[in-house]
Protein backbone atom coordinates (compact mmCIF):
# COMPACT_ATOMS: atom_id res chain seq x y z
CA MET A 1 -12.07 -62.72 -68.38
CA THR A 2 -10.74 -61.03 -71.47
CA GLU A 3 -12.25 -57.60 -72.04
CA ARG A 4 -12.84 -55.59 -75.14
CA SER A 5 -11.19 -52.46 -73.80
CA ASP A 6 -8.46 -52.05 -76.39
CA ARG A 7 -9.89 -48.84 -77.73
CA PRO A 8 -11.08 -46.50 -75.00
CA GLY A 9 -12.56 -44.01 -77.44
CA GLY A 10 -13.52 -40.47 -76.61
CA PRO A 11 -14.82 -37.34 -78.14
CA GLY A 12 -11.36 -35.88 -78.46
CA ASP A 13 -9.47 -38.98 -79.54
CA VAL A 14 -7.00 -38.64 -82.38
CA PRO A 15 -8.10 -40.76 -85.39
CA ILE A 16 -4.99 -42.97 -85.37
CA GLY A 17 -3.92 -44.27 -88.74
CA ARG A 18 -6.33 -42.31 -90.93
CA PRO A 19 -6.70 -38.70 -92.07
CA PRO A 20 -9.22 -36.46 -90.23
CA THR A 21 -12.75 -36.51 -91.62
CA ASN A 22 -14.22 -33.51 -89.79
CA ARG A 23 -13.21 -30.38 -87.94
CA ARG A 24 -13.16 -32.06 -84.56
CA GLU A 25 -10.76 -34.77 -85.70
CA LEU A 26 -8.66 -32.15 -87.49
CA SER A 27 -8.43 -30.08 -84.32
CA ALA A 28 -7.54 -33.13 -82.22
CA LYS A 29 -4.80 -34.18 -84.61
CA LEU A 30 -3.40 -30.65 -84.80
CA LEU A 31 -3.40 -30.44 -81.00
CA TRP A 32 -1.64 -33.80 -80.72
CA ILE A 33 1.05 -32.81 -83.22
CA GLY A 34 1.23 -29.27 -81.90
CA ALA A 35 2.22 -30.54 -78.45
CA TYR A 36 5.67 -31.18 -79.90
CA LEU A 37 6.00 -27.51 -80.82
CA VAL A 38 6.99 -26.67 -77.25
CA PHE A 39 10.67 -26.50 -78.31
CA LEU A 40 9.81 -23.54 -80.55
CA GLY A 41 9.47 -21.38 -77.46
CA TRP A 42 13.22 -20.85 -77.22
CA PRO A 43 13.71 -19.64 -80.82
CA LEU A 44 10.66 -17.34 -80.52
CA GLU A 45 11.97 -15.93 -77.27
CA ASP A 46 15.35 -15.37 -78.91
CA LEU A 47 13.74 -13.52 -81.83
CA VAL A 48 11.84 -11.09 -79.62
CA SER A 49 14.70 -10.58 -77.16
CA GLY A 50 16.35 -7.88 -79.29
CA ARG A 51 19.75 -9.56 -79.23
CA HIS A 52 19.94 -9.66 -83.03
CA SER A 53 19.86 -7.02 -85.70
CA ALA A 54 16.66 -6.26 -87.58
CA ALA A 55 17.91 -8.12 -90.68
CA ALA A 56 18.94 -11.17 -88.65
CA THR A 57 15.60 -11.18 -86.83
CA ALA A 58 13.66 -11.01 -90.10
CA LEU A 59 15.71 -13.77 -91.70
CA GLY A 60 15.42 -15.88 -88.57
CA ALA A 61 11.63 -15.47 -88.53
CA ALA A 62 11.40 -16.40 -92.21
CA GLY A 63 13.63 -19.42 -91.68
CA LEU A 64 11.61 -20.54 -88.65
CA ALA A 65 8.34 -20.22 -90.59
CA ALA A 66 9.75 -22.28 -93.46
CA PHE A 67 10.99 -24.89 -90.98
CA VAL A 68 7.58 -25.22 -89.29
CA VAL A 69 5.74 -25.50 -92.61
CA ALA A 70 8.08 -28.22 -93.87
CA TYR A 71 7.95 -30.08 -90.54
CA LEU A 72 4.15 -30.05 -90.30
CA SER A 73 3.87 -31.12 -93.93
CA LEU A 74 6.05 -34.15 -93.22
CA VAL A 75 4.53 -35.23 -89.92
CA PHE A 76 0.89 -34.23 -90.46
CA ARG A 77 0.08 -34.79 -94.13
CA ASN A 78 2.43 -37.74 -94.59
CA VAL A 79 0.48 -39.76 -91.97
CA GLY A 80 -2.73 -39.79 -94.02
CA ARG A 81 -1.48 -39.50 -97.62
CA PRO A 82 2.24 -40.31 -97.74
CA PHE A 83 4.57 -38.28 -99.92
CA SER A 84 6.87 -39.90 -102.43
CA ALA A 85 10.32 -40.93 -101.21
CA ARG A 86 11.89 -38.07 -103.16
CA THR A 87 9.58 -35.49 -101.57
CA VAL A 88 10.24 -36.90 -98.10
CA GLY A 89 13.98 -36.72 -98.69
CA THR A 90 13.75 -33.15 -99.97
CA LEU A 91 11.70 -31.94 -97.02
CA LEU A 92 13.91 -33.74 -94.51
CA GLY A 93 16.99 -32.22 -96.09
CA THR A 94 15.35 -28.79 -96.00
CA ILE A 95 14.55 -28.85 -92.28
CA ALA A 96 17.97 -30.35 -91.47
CA VAL A 97 19.76 -27.56 -93.37
CA LEU A 98 17.53 -24.90 -91.82
CA ALA A 99 18.21 -26.29 -88.33
CA CYS A 100 21.98 -26.20 -88.95
CA VAL A 101 21.99 -22.70 -90.44
CA LEU A 102 19.68 -21.14 -87.85
CA ALA A 103 21.37 -22.78 -84.83
CA HIS A 104 24.85 -21.90 -86.10
CA SER A 105 23.92 -18.31 -86.98
CA LEU A 106 21.58 -17.34 -84.14
CA GLY A 107 22.87 -19.35 -81.19
CA GLY A 108 22.08 -22.25 -78.85
CA SER A 109 18.44 -21.27 -78.39
CA TRP A 110 17.80 -22.74 -81.83
CA LEU A 111 19.25 -26.19 -81.13
CA GLY A 112 15.76 -27.47 -80.26
CA LEU A 113 14.99 -27.52 -83.99
CA PHE A 114 17.06 -30.69 -84.24
CA VAL A 115 14.47 -32.41 -82.02
CA TYR A 116 11.92 -31.83 -84.77
CA VAL A 117 14.30 -33.23 -87.34
CA SER A 118 14.48 -36.44 -85.27
CA VAL A 119 10.68 -36.55 -84.99
CA ALA A 120 10.35 -36.15 -88.77
CA CYS A 121 12.92 -38.90 -89.36
CA GLY A 122 11.08 -41.30 -87.06
CA ALA A 123 7.69 -40.45 -88.59
CA THR A 124 8.58 -40.66 -92.28
CA LEU A 125 11.66 -42.79 -92.91
CA PRO A 126 11.71 -46.60 -93.08
CA ARG A 127 12.68 -48.16 -89.78
CA ARG A 128 16.25 -49.01 -90.76
CA GLY A 129 16.77 -45.57 -92.25
CA ALA A 130 15.37 -43.90 -89.14
CA TYR A 131 17.67 -45.94 -86.89
CA VAL A 132 20.62 -44.41 -88.75
CA ALA A 133 19.27 -40.91 -89.38
CA ILE A 134 18.27 -40.13 -85.79
CA PRO A 135 21.73 -40.71 -84.20
CA VAL A 136 23.36 -38.87 -87.13
CA ASN A 137 21.01 -35.91 -86.54
CA ALA A 138 21.84 -35.93 -82.81
CA ALA A 139 25.56 -35.94 -83.58
CA LEU A 140 25.10 -33.09 -86.05
CA MET A 141 23.20 -31.13 -83.41
CA TYR A 142 26.06 -31.60 -80.95
CA LEU A 143 28.68 -30.52 -83.49
CA VAL A 144 26.71 -27.36 -84.34
CA GLY A 145 26.06 -26.67 -80.65
CA ARG A 146 29.71 -26.90 -79.68
CA HIS A 147 30.34 -23.57 -81.40
CA SER A 148 27.39 -21.75 -79.78
CA ASP A 149 26.24 -23.43 -76.56
CA GLU A 150 27.90 -26.75 -75.76
CA ALA A 151 26.06 -27.17 -72.44
CA GLU A 152 22.69 -26.84 -74.17
CA ALA A 153 23.84 -29.27 -76.85
CA ARG A 154 24.72 -31.86 -74.21
CA ASN A 155 21.34 -31.40 -72.52
CA LEU A 156 19.46 -31.93 -75.79
CA LEU A 157 21.55 -34.83 -77.05
CA LEU A 158 19.63 -37.58 -75.25
CA ILE A 159 16.26 -35.91 -75.83
CA THR A 160 16.92 -35.70 -79.56
CA VAL A 161 17.65 -39.42 -79.75
CA LEU A 162 14.83 -40.59 -77.46
CA VAL A 163 12.14 -38.45 -79.10
CA GLY A 164 13.11 -39.74 -82.52
CA PHE A 165 13.04 -43.38 -81.45
CA GLY A 166 9.75 -42.74 -79.64
CA MET A 167 8.25 -41.51 -82.90
CA ILE A 168 9.33 -44.77 -84.53
CA GLY A 169 7.22 -46.56 -81.90
CA VAL A 170 4.28 -44.25 -82.53
CA ARG A 171 4.52 -44.92 -86.25
CA GLN A 172 4.54 -48.66 -85.64
CA LEU A 173 1.46 -48.24 -83.43
CA VAL A 174 -0.29 -46.38 -86.24
CA ARG A 175 0.60 -49.13 -88.71
CA THR A 176 -0.62 -51.83 -86.34
CA THR A 177 -3.87 -49.93 -85.74
CA VAL A 178 -4.50 -49.63 -89.47
CA GLU A 179 -3.83 -53.35 -90.00
CA LEU A 180 -6.10 -54.25 -87.08
CA ARG A 181 -8.89 -52.08 -88.49
CA LYS A 182 -8.56 -53.79 -91.87
CA ALA A 183 -8.52 -57.23 -90.22
CA ARG A 184 -11.70 -56.43 -88.28
CA ALA A 185 -13.42 -55.29 -91.44
CA THR A 186 -12.36 -58.50 -93.18
CA VAL A 187 -13.61 -60.66 -90.31
CA ALA A 188 -16.94 -58.83 -90.29
CA GLN A 189 -17.31 -59.34 -94.05
CA LEU A 190 -16.44 -63.03 -93.77
CA ALA A 191 -18.93 -63.47 -90.94
CA ALA A 192 -21.64 -61.79 -93.02
CA ASN A 193 -20.84 -64.01 -95.99
CA GLU A 194 -20.92 -67.11 -93.79
CA GLU A 195 -24.30 -66.09 -92.41
CA ARG A 196 -25.67 -65.63 -95.92
CA LEU A 197 -24.40 -69.06 -96.92
CA ARG A 198 -25.92 -70.62 -93.81
CA LEU A 199 -29.26 -68.95 -94.50
CA ALA A 200 -29.21 -70.11 -98.12
CA ARG A 201 -28.32 -73.65 -97.06
CA ASP A 202 -31.04 -73.80 -94.41
CA LEU A 203 -33.69 -72.41 -96.76
CA HIS A 204 -32.68 -74.93 -99.40
CA ASP A 205 -32.92 -77.77 -96.91
CA LEU A 206 -36.28 -76.53 -95.65
CA LEU A 207 -37.95 -75.66 -98.94
CA GLY A 208 -36.22 -77.85 -101.50
CA HIS A 209 -38.08 -81.03 -100.63
CA SER A 210 -41.40 -79.26 -99.96
CA LEU A 211 -41.36 -77.30 -103.22
CA SER A 212 -40.38 -80.38 -105.21
CA LEU A 213 -43.25 -82.30 -103.65
CA ILE A 214 -45.69 -79.43 -104.34
CA THR A 215 -44.54 -79.31 -107.97
CA LEU A 216 -44.97 -83.07 -108.40
CA LYS A 217 -48.43 -83.15 -106.83
CA SER A 218 -49.51 -80.13 -108.86
CA GLU A 219 -48.56 -81.96 -112.06
CA LEU A 220 -50.46 -85.07 -110.89
CA ALA A 221 -53.54 -83.02 -110.05
CA GLY A 222 -53.39 -81.40 -113.49
CA ARG A 223 -53.31 -84.80 -115.20
CA MET A 224 -56.21 -86.11 -113.10
CA LEU A 225 -58.47 -83.26 -114.11
CA PRO A 226 -61.18 -83.41 -115.32
CA GLY A 227 -61.41 -87.22 -115.50
CA ARG A 228 -60.69 -88.04 -111.85
CA PRO A 229 -61.75 -85.04 -109.78
CA GLU A 230 -61.80 -86.92 -106.46
CA GLU A 231 -58.17 -87.97 -106.77
CA ALA A 232 -57.21 -84.50 -107.99
CA ALA A 233 -58.88 -82.99 -104.94
CA GLN A 234 -56.82 -85.31 -102.72
CA GLN A 235 -53.63 -84.12 -104.41
CA VAL A 236 -54.67 -80.49 -103.84
CA ALA A 237 -55.30 -81.26 -100.17
CA ASP A 238 -51.83 -82.81 -99.94
CA ILE A 239 -50.38 -79.70 -101.57
CA GLU A 240 -52.10 -77.52 -98.96
CA GLN A 241 -50.75 -79.67 -96.12
CA VAL A 242 -47.19 -79.63 -97.47
CA SER A 243 -47.27 -75.87 -98.06
CA ARG A 244 -48.57 -75.22 -94.54
CA GLN A 245 -45.80 -77.36 -93.05
CA ALA A 246 -43.23 -75.56 -95.18
CA LEU A 247 -44.56 -72.23 -93.91
CA VAL A 248 -44.24 -73.45 -90.30
CA ASP A 249 -40.66 -74.58 -90.95
CA VAL A 250 -39.70 -71.27 -92.54
CA ARG A 251 -41.21 -69.29 -89.66
CA ALA A 252 -39.32 -71.42 -87.15
CA ALA A 253 -36.07 -70.89 -89.04
CA VAL A 254 -36.60 -67.13 -89.32
CA THR A 255 -37.44 -66.96 -85.62
CA GLY A 256 -34.14 -68.65 -84.90
CA TYR A 257 -32.28 -66.12 -87.03
CA ARG A 258 -34.09 -63.18 -85.44
CA ARG A 259 -33.59 -64.40 -81.86
CA ALA A 260 -31.28 -62.09 -79.97
CA ARG A 261 -27.95 -63.68 -79.12
CA LEU A 262 -25.98 -62.46 -76.12
CA ALA A 263 -22.57 -62.90 -77.79
CA ALA A 264 -23.67 -60.81 -80.77
CA GLU A 265 -25.15 -58.13 -78.51
CA LEU A 266 -21.91 -57.96 -76.48
CA ALA A 267 -19.91 -57.31 -79.63
CA GLY A 268 -22.48 -54.79 -80.82
CA ALA A 269 -22.49 -53.07 -77.41
CA HIS A 270 -18.73 -52.58 -77.55
CA MET A 271 -18.93 -51.10 -81.04
CA ALA A 272 -21.86 -48.82 -80.15
CA LEU A 273 -20.23 -47.51 -76.98
CA THR A 274 -16.84 -46.80 -78.55
CA ALA A 275 -18.50 -45.16 -81.54
CA ALA A 276 -20.33 -42.85 -79.10
CA GLY A 277 -17.08 -41.92 -77.39
CA VAL A 278 -17.71 -44.02 -74.25
CA ALA A 279 -14.84 -46.08 -72.83
CA ALA A 280 -16.23 -49.62 -72.96
CA GLN A 281 -15.40 -52.50 -70.64
CA VAL A 282 -17.27 -55.48 -72.06
CA PRO A 283 -16.68 -59.17 -71.31
CA ALA A 284 -15.69 -61.55 -74.06
CA GLU A 285 -18.18 -64.12 -75.33
CA PRO A 286 -19.45 -66.01 -72.26
CA ASP A 287 -20.03 -69.74 -72.02
CA LEU A 288 -23.81 -70.15 -72.03
CA THR A 289 -23.91 -73.93 -72.22
CA GLY A 290 -27.16 -75.14 -70.73
CA VAL A 291 -28.77 -71.69 -70.63
CA PRO A 292 -32.27 -71.80 -72.21
CA GLU A 293 -32.65 -69.81 -75.41
CA GLU A 294 -35.44 -67.65 -73.99
CA VAL A 295 -33.22 -66.72 -71.05
CA GLU A 296 -30.33 -65.79 -73.33
CA ALA A 297 -32.68 -63.76 -75.52
CA ALA A 298 -34.03 -61.87 -72.49
CA LEU A 299 -30.50 -60.96 -71.38
CA ALA A 300 -29.57 -59.94 -74.92
CA TRP A 301 -32.56 -57.57 -75.13
CA SER A 302 -31.65 -56.20 -71.70
CA LEU A 303 -28.13 -55.48 -72.85
CA ARG A 304 -29.37 -53.76 -76.00
CA GLU A 305 -31.76 -51.55 -74.04
CA GLY A 306 -29.14 -50.69 -71.42
CA VAL A 307 -26.48 -49.75 -73.95
CA THR A 308 -29.01 -47.72 -75.96
CA ASN A 309 -29.83 -45.70 -72.85
CA VAL A 310 -26.13 -45.13 -72.15
CA VAL A 311 -25.47 -43.92 -75.68
CA ARG A 312 -28.54 -41.68 -75.98
CA HIS A 313 -29.15 -40.28 -72.53
CA SER A 314 -26.30 -40.79 -70.07
CA GLY A 315 -23.54 -38.41 -71.15
CA ALA A 316 -21.19 -41.02 -69.66
CA ALA A 317 -17.46 -41.29 -70.27
CA ARG A 318 -17.20 -44.93 -69.16
CA CYS A 319 -19.48 -47.96 -69.19
CA VAL A 320 -18.89 -51.40 -67.65
CA VAL A 321 -20.86 -54.47 -68.73
CA SER A 322 -20.68 -57.68 -66.71
CA VAL A 323 -22.27 -61.13 -67.04
CA THR A 324 -22.17 -63.14 -63.81
CA HIS A 325 -23.51 -66.49 -62.60
CA ARG A 326 -24.62 -66.46 -58.97
CA GLN A 327 -26.02 -69.01 -56.57
CA THR A 328 -29.00 -67.73 -54.57
CA LEU A 329 -31.53 -69.25 -52.16
CA ASP A 330 -33.95 -69.55 -55.09
CA GLY A 331 -31.35 -71.35 -57.20
CA PRO A 332 -28.73 -70.30 -59.73
CA VAL A 333 -29.32 -67.02 -61.52
CA LEU A 334 -27.62 -65.22 -64.37
CA GLU A 335 -27.06 -61.49 -63.92
CA LEU A 336 -26.34 -58.87 -66.53
CA ALA A 337 -25.23 -55.46 -65.27
CA VAL A 338 -24.75 -52.28 -67.33
CA GLU A 339 -23.17 -49.48 -65.27
CA ASP A 340 -22.10 -46.03 -66.41
CA ASP A 341 -20.69 -42.90 -64.80
CA GLY A 342 -23.01 -40.46 -66.55
CA THR A 343 -25.38 -37.89 -65.15
CA GLY A 344 -28.09 -38.11 -67.79
CA GLY A 345 -30.56 -35.89 -65.95
CA PRO A 346 -33.51 -36.83 -63.72
CA ALA A 347 -35.41 -38.43 -66.61
CA ARG A 348 -33.19 -41.48 -66.39
CA THR A 349 -34.64 -42.44 -63.05
CA VAL A 350 -38.18 -42.70 -64.46
CA PRO A 351 -38.89 -46.04 -66.19
CA GLY A 352 -39.83 -45.44 -69.79
CA ASN A 353 -41.54 -47.59 -72.38
CA GLY A 354 -38.25 -49.37 -73.12
CA LEU A 355 -37.66 -50.36 -69.50
CA ALA A 356 -41.32 -51.27 -69.02
CA GLY A 357 -41.27 -53.58 -72.02
CA LEU A 358 -37.96 -55.01 -70.87
CA THR A 359 -39.39 -55.71 -67.43
CA GLU A 360 -42.27 -57.62 -68.99
CA ARG A 361 -39.88 -59.62 -71.16
CA LEU A 362 -37.72 -60.57 -68.17
CA GLU A 363 -40.73 -61.48 -66.04
CA ALA A 364 -41.92 -63.77 -68.83
CA ALA A 365 -38.58 -65.58 -68.54
CA GLY A 366 -38.92 -65.76 -64.75
CA GLY A 367 -36.51 -62.90 -64.11
CA SER A 368 -36.51 -59.34 -62.85
CA LEU A 369 -35.10 -55.91 -63.65
CA GLU A 370 -33.54 -53.28 -61.41
CA ALA A 371 -32.63 -49.84 -62.77
CA GLY A 372 -31.68 -46.68 -60.95
CA ARG A 373 -29.00 -44.20 -60.01
CA THR A 374 -25.92 -45.10 -58.01
CA ARG A 375 -23.22 -42.99 -56.40
CA ARG A 376 -21.17 -43.05 -59.59
CA GLY A 377 -23.87 -42.99 -62.26
CA PHE A 378 -26.65 -45.30 -63.44
CA ARG A 379 -27.01 -49.08 -63.19
CA LEU A 380 -29.26 -51.53 -65.00
CA LEU A 381 -29.34 -55.06 -63.55
CA ALA A 382 -31.20 -57.89 -65.29
CA ARG A 383 -31.53 -61.16 -63.38
CA VAL A 384 -32.91 -64.43 -64.81
CA PRO A 385 -32.98 -68.02 -63.53
CA ALA A 386 -30.29 -70.21 -65.08
CA ALA A 387 -30.59 -73.72 -63.74
CA GLY A 388 -27.49 -75.68 -64.62
CA ALA A 389 -25.73 -72.72 -66.18
CA PRO A 390 -21.96 -72.65 -65.68
CA ASP A 391 -20.04 -69.67 -64.28
CA VAL A 392 -19.60 -67.19 -67.10
CA GLY A 393 -17.46 -64.74 -65.21
CA SER A 394 -17.57 -61.00 -64.91
CA GLY A 395 -16.53 -58.13 -67.01
CA ALA A 396 -15.69 -55.96 -64.02
């Protein structure tokens, strides 16, 4: 069964495709980008080694600082709020010139700066431009390195190319993530609009005829008064009957809209878990053909309660939801399991008001509830009879 596990989510995840909105996201993004700064270790070691004069060391430090500022501006800021093409070209030219000057003047330890030039090219240039710029940058690195440390230049040649092309892939992933996020928002908006239209249509169908009839009979009753009070009273009685029936119809319709649906709760569970930083493994919409509505509603409420407990109390990093059809000696049953790997403290083993109410709801549908700790965390298992229900698979 297809699972909604495309976005594992976690407290330290980098907000792909959008600028950071808080300190935690800022720190995560800086850490992710800063991992590439490992190649700066060689230039820093060269500066403090004492192999250069004081003037050369000072100029080298200033040049390295300017290089890092320009590089981080390109790769970090340009992801969230892109620079203009002219600014990108200027900054790329600046770090390329600095890499050439520093590597040529101070030696082979500075050739790693060309790796950052490739990263910047892959992160900021259009794809076709990056495909050309990255090999050109690698060739330039080799030409500069031949005069200082040809062996080091050969060692870095492949890395310079591969890291640059890898950044092109990362950039495409960011673009795809942004487009997917926009598509999901659009689908959610369309679904909400469709639900509003369906509600408006159903209310019109339910109330249109009844209200028209009430209006007509009210006019008739008004004309019959005061000359024919008996007939007017009959019209008022008819109005009361029609209005009562309309009220029953509206309540039935609203009950249908408010009834918990398992498919909707599965989608909501995935969103709630990922938003809380829990890696979610949730089955796709199951086939519930033949499953009574009260049974589906009981499972939906069970799922909501289980996911709420995971989000609020578990401290879990991973949660697995499964919906399974089983054949037992008492007949076919439908099982919903919510398992997490959290600790959550001893309070989780004591049934609270939520679990007590859930147990009553399941028992009313002929089912049962099991909840308790396991070796790996906590497990909530809701079981209901499902005569004639097809196999809906498992999310495990």
